[in-house]
Protein backbone atom coordinates (compact mmCIF):
# COMPACT_ATOMS: atom_id res chain seq x y z
CA UNK A 1 0.06 0.18 0.00
CA UNK A 2 1.22 3.63 -0.63
CA UNK A 3 2.55 5.59 2.03
CA UNK A 4 3.16 3.11 4.48
CA UNK A 5 7.06 2.78 4.59
CA UNK A 6 7.05 3.83 8.23
CA UNK A 7 4.59 1.32 9.13
CA UNK A 8 6.70 -1.64 7.31
CA UNK A 9 9.71 -0.62 9.25
CA UNK A 10 7.75 -0.63 12.68
CA UNK A 11 6.52 -4.01 11.47
CA UNK A 12 10.06 -5.28 10.49
CA UNK A 13 12.18 -4.47 13.61
CA UNK A 14 13.06 -8.27 13.87
CA UNK A 15 14.41 -8.43 10.13
CA UNK A 16 15.81 -5.11 10.54
CA UNK A 17 18.21 -6.27 13.44
CA UNK A 18 18.95 -9.35 11.68
CA UNK A 19 23.12 -9.39 10.34
CA UNK A 20 21.57 -10.60 7.03
CA UNK A 21 19.60 -7.34 6.34
CA UNK A 22 22.18 -5.26 4.43
CA UNK A 23 20.25 -3.19 2.12
CA UNK A 24 16.65 -1.50 1.71
CA UNK A 25 15.03 0.01 -1.44
CA UNK A 26 12.12 2.31 -0.07
CA UNK A 27 9.65 4.78 -1.27
CA UNK A 28 9.56 8.05 0.21
CA UNK A 29 8.36 11.50 -0.25
CA UNK A 30 9.56 14.41 1.77
CA UNK A 31 6.46 15.64 3.58
CA UNK A 32 3.16 13.78 4.78
CA UNK A 33 1.03 15.75 2.17
CA UNK A 34 -0.69 12.56 0.41
CA UNK A 35 -1.44 9.69 2.81
CA UNK A 36 -3.10 9.73 6.51
CA UNK A 37 -0.29 7.50 8.27
CA UNK A 38 2.39 8.21 6.07
CA UNK A 39 6.24 8.56 7.41
CA UNK A 40 8.41 11.50 5.66
CA UNK A 41 11.77 10.67 4.31
CA UNK A 42 13.37 12.15 7.31
CA UNK A 43 11.35 10.43 9.41
CA UNK A 44 12.14 6.94 7.66
CA UNK A 45 16.02 7.54 7.52
CA UNK A 46 16.08 8.29 11.18
CA UNK A 47 14.22 5.05 12.06
CA UNK A 48 16.74 3.11 9.71
CA UNK A 49 19.29 4.79 11.41
CA UNK A 50 18.49 3.13 14.70
CA UNK A 51 19.33 -0.13 12.62
CA UNK A 52 22.52 0.88 11.42
CA UNK A 53 21.25 1.89 7.84
CA UNK A 54 22.42 5.11 5.90
CA UNK A 55 20.87 6.30 2.64
CA UNK A 56 23.53 6.27 -0.28
CA UNK A 57 21.43 6.63 -3.61
CA UNK A 58 18.24 8.02 -4.72
CA UNK A 59 15.96 8.46 -7.64
CA UNK A 60 14.02 11.44 -9.38
CA UNK A 61 10.87 10.24 -10.61
CA UNK A 62 8.95 12.94 -9.10
CA UNK A 63 10.33 15.72 -6.93
CA UNK A 64 8.97 14.93 -3.96
CA UNK A 65 8.18 11.17 -4.40
CA UNK A 66 10.98 9.20 -4.97
CA UNK A 67 13.30 5.93 -3.87
CA UNK A 68 16.08 5.90 -1.43
CA UNK A 69 18.67 3.03 -1.13
CA UNK A 70 19.94 2.19 2.45
CA UNK A 71 22.85 0.19 3.34
CA UNK A 72 24.44 -1.00 6.55
CA UNK A 73 26.99 1.19 7.86
CA UNK A 74 29.14 -1.73 8.29
CA UNK A 75 28.86 -2.45 4.69
CA UNK A 76 29.40 0.98 3.36
CA UNK A 77 33.52 0.58 3.11
CA UNK A 78 33.17 -2.52 1.34
CA UNK A 79 30.62 -1.49 -1.20
CA UNK A 80 32.51 1.65 -2.18
CA UNK A 81 35.46 -0.52 -2.52
CA UNK A 82 33.51 -2.84 -4.75
CA UNK A 83 32.26 0.21 -6.73
CA UNK A 84 35.82 1.63 -7.19
CA UNK A 85 37.03 -1.57 -8.75
CA UNK A 86 34.02 -1.83 -11.02
CA UNK A 87 34.13 1.75 -12.77
CA UNK A 88 37.95 1.55 -12.77
CA UNK A 89 37.43 -1.42 -14.95
CA UNK A 90 35.07 0.57 -17.17
C-alpha cells in the first residue's frame, strides 16, 4: 500500500536487526501530504539509522516522491571499494 513505509519498518524490527539485512530500497516523500499515516523521508531515514542503515542513493521520478537505497554502515566501506573497482574497469 502507498505511504506505509514507516509502518512496514515498525513491523520489520526483527528483520532489520538481523545481520543478513544489508540493503533496503524504499519509496519515500519529503512530507506527509498525500497519505494520512505516511512517514516522511527524514522520519524513515531516522528509523533506519537506529538499525545501522544509511541512505546512499536516490532516484528522481517526482520531486517530492522518490526511492532511497539504504545500506548497513558496516557494509559501506566494502561497497565503496567494490564500486571503485568496478568503475576503474569501465
